[in-house]
Amino acid sequence: MATVELRFSAQPEHVRTARLVAAAVARRAGVDEAVLDEVRLAVGEACSRAVGLHRSHGITAPVRVVLIEGEKAFSIEVGDEVPAAGGDAGNAKASPGDLQESDAEGEDEMGLAVISGLVDDVQVTADDDGGVIRMSWPTASAVAPARS
């Protein structure tokens, strides 16, 4: 199993590079050519979401992208360092910063919906260390027809 790890500063201009690297590694792993656009779009959406979360929370740590070539599947993990929300959900008083966070959460939900529409196998997890979107696609060896 081969793994490629990419880390980039949370700047929107780096998302394109992550998409290109993901597509190249997916192609090498044996992901069907017809699915490569979905891989590119899903990675772009996941990376844009991570960049937005880092920027809106003032986090300077890099965004992590891990590309994993398995025997039957190609997987991508996009990780951010934004701790899972909690604690002040009971705060009833809204400030202008809260309105910005509300807009960011709306964009976050839209991004996750787009990813879910593009990828059949997707998992989103978050804890105190940050969040991870895991996506996977079958490789050609996993979907090759049996010969008789």
Protein backbone atom coordinates (compact mmCIF):
# COMPACT_ATOMS: atom_id res chain seq x y z
CA MET A 1 0.00 0.00 0.00
CA ALA A 2 1.53 3.30 -1.13
CA THR A 3 0.81 6.58 0.62
CA VAL A 4 1.42 10.16 -0.46
CA GLU A 5 1.04 12.97 2.06
CA LEU A 6 0.59 16.59 1.07
CA ARG A 7 0.53 19.54 3.46
CA PHE A 8 -0.19 23.09 2.37
CA SER A 9 -0.81 26.44 4.00
CA ALA A 10 -4.47 27.35 4.29
CA GLN A 11 -4.56 29.52 1.16
CA PRO A 12 -7.21 29.05 -1.54
CA GLU A 13 -4.61 29.12 -4.32
CA HIS A 14 -3.11 25.84 -3.04
CA VAL A 15 -6.37 23.91 -3.48
CA ARG A 16 -5.77 23.59 -7.23
CA THR A 17 -2.41 21.92 -6.60
CA ALA A 18 -4.02 19.44 -4.20
CA ARG A 19 -6.64 18.59 -6.85
CA LEU A 20 -3.98 18.00 -9.50
CA VAL A 21 -1.87 15.80 -7.21
CA ALA A 22 -4.93 13.79 -6.13
CA ALA A 23 -5.98 13.17 -9.75
CA ALA A 24 -2.46 12.09 -10.74
CA VAL A 25 -2.15 9.67 -7.81
CA ALA A 26 -5.69 8.35 -8.39
CA ARG A 27 -4.86 7.67 -12.04
CA ARG A 28 -1.67 5.84 -11.02
CA ALA A 29 -3.64 3.83 -8.43
CA GLY A 30 -6.00 2.56 -11.13
CA VAL A 31 -9.10 4.66 -10.54
CA ASP A 32 -11.28 4.62 -13.66
CA GLU A 33 -10.71 7.60 -15.98
CA ALA A 34 -14.45 8.39 -15.93
CA VAL A 35 -14.27 8.91 -12.15
CA LEU A 36 -11.22 11.20 -12.10
CA ASP A 37 -13.34 14.36 -12.46
CA GLU A 38 -15.31 13.31 -9.37
CA VAL A 39 -12.04 12.75 -7.49
CA ARG A 40 -10.81 16.21 -8.52
CA LEU A 41 -14.07 17.92 -7.56
CA ALA A 42 -14.42 16.10 -4.24
CA VAL A 43 -10.82 16.82 -3.23
CA GLY A 44 -11.21 20.45 -4.26
CA GLU A 45 -14.37 20.77 -2.19
CA ALA A 46 -12.84 19.05 0.85
CA CYS A 47 -9.66 21.16 0.65
CA SER A 48 -11.63 24.39 0.16
CA ARG A 49 -13.69 23.49 3.23
CA ALA A 50 -10.53 22.85 5.29
CA VAL A 51 -8.95 26.11 4.08
CA GLY A 52 -12.11 28.02 4.98
CA LEU A 53 -12.27 26.46 8.43
CA HIS A 54 -8.61 27.24 9.13
CA ARG A 55 -8.97 30.83 7.96
CA SER A 56 -12.23 31.51 9.83
CA HIS A 57 -10.76 30.12 13.07
CA GLY A 58 -7.35 31.78 12.71
CA ILE A 59 -5.46 28.49 12.52
CA THR A 60 -2.03 28.70 10.87
CA ALA A 61 -1.33 24.94 10.76
CA PRO A 62 -1.27 23.39 7.29
CA VAL A 63 -4.14 21.46 5.73
CA ARG A 64 -3.31 17.74 5.42
CA VAL A 65 -4.13 15.56 2.43
CA VAL A 66 -3.26 11.86 2.57
CA LEU A 67 -3.59 9.79 -0.61
CA ILE A 68 -3.63 6.03 -0.04
CA GLU A 69 -3.28 3.46 -2.82
CA GLY A 70 -4.83 0.24 -1.55
CA GLU A 71 -5.13 -3.07 -3.33
CA LYS A 72 -8.82 -2.61 -4.15
CA ALA A 73 -9.47 1.05 -3.33
CA PHE A 74 -7.94 4.49 -3.55
CA SER A 75 -8.58 6.64 -0.47
CA ILE A 76 -8.10 10.30 0.32
CA GLU A 77 -8.17 11.90 3.76
CA VAL A 78 -8.40 15.68 4.03
CA GLY A 79 -7.74 16.90 7.55
CA ASP A 80 -8.11 20.22 9.30
CA GLU A 81 -7.02 21.29 12.76
CA VAL A 82 -10.27 22.95 13.84
CA PRO A 83 -11.51 21.33 17.08
CA ALA A 84 -15.04 19.95 17.03
CA ALA A 85 -17.66 22.52 18.05
CA GLY A 86 -18.92 22.34 21.58
CA GLY A 87 -19.20 24.14 24.84
CA ASP A 88 -20.83 27.47 24.00
CA ALA A 89 -23.85 26.19 22.04
CA GLY A 90 -26.10 27.49 24.81
CA ASN A 91 -24.95 31.09 24.28
CA ALA A 92 -28.12 32.95 23.20
CA LYS A 93 -26.52 36.33 22.50
CA ALA A 94 -25.30 36.78 18.90
CA SER A 95 -22.41 39.02 17.92
CA PRO A 96 -21.19 40.03 14.42
CA GLY A 97 -18.53 37.30 14.70
CA ASP A 98 -21.26 34.75 15.36
CA LEU A 99 -22.99 35.80 12.15
CA GLN A 100 -19.78 35.18 10.21
CA GLU A 101 -19.43 31.78 11.85
CA SER A 102 -23.05 31.01 10.93
CA ASP A 103 -22.30 31.85 7.27
CA ALA A 104 -19.17 29.69 7.41
CA GLU A 105 -21.19 26.80 8.86
CA GLY A 106 -23.70 27.14 6.01
CA GLU A 107 -20.89 26.96 3.45
CA ASP A 108 -19.45 24.00 5.36
CA GLU A 109 -22.74 22.10 5.15
CA MET A 110 -23.05 22.90 1.43
CA GLY A 111 -19.52 21.62 0.81
CA LEU A 112 -20.27 18.37 2.65
CA ALA A 113 -23.46 17.93 0.62
CA VAL A 114 -21.51 18.35 -2.63
CA ILE A 115 -18.89 15.82 -1.50
CA SER A 116 -21.61 13.33 -0.50
CA GLY A 117 -23.14 13.71 -3.95
CA LEU A 118 -19.81 12.98 -5.65
CA VAL A 119 -18.46 10.15 -3.49
CA ASP A 120 -20.31 6.96 -2.58
CA ASP A 121 -17.93 6.07 0.26
CA VAL A 122 -17.38 9.15 2.45
CA GLN A 123 -16.93 9.54 6.20
CA VAL A 124 -16.70 12.81 8.12
CA THR A 125 -15.26 12.77 11.63
CA ALA A 126 -14.27 15.49 14.07
CA ASP A 127 -12.77 15.57 17.53
CA ASP A 128 -10.72 17.92 19.70
CA ASP A 129 -7.74 17.61 17.33
CA GLY A 130 -9.68 18.56 14.18
CA GLY A 131 -11.75 17.02 11.45
CA VAL A 132 -11.12 14.52 8.68
CA ILE A 133 -13.05 13.77 5.51
CA ARG A 134 -12.27 10.25 4.26
CA MET A 135 -13.26 9.38 0.71
CA SER A 136 -12.56 6.26 -1.31
CA TRP A 137 -13.09 4.95 -4.80
CA PRO A 138 -12.62 1.43 -6.19
CA THR A 139 -9.59 0.78 -8.36
CA ALA A 140 -9.61 -1.09 -11.65
CA SER A 141 -8.47 -4.30 -9.90
CA ALA A 142 -11.50 -4.12 -7.59
CA VAL A 143 -14.03 -3.75 -10.40
CA ALA A 144 -12.42 -5.96 -13.05
CA PRO A 145 -14.89 -8.54 -14.37
CA ALA A 146 -14.20 -12.18 -13.60
CA ARG A 147 -13.06 -14.22 -16.59
CA SER A 148 -14.34 -17.67 -17.26
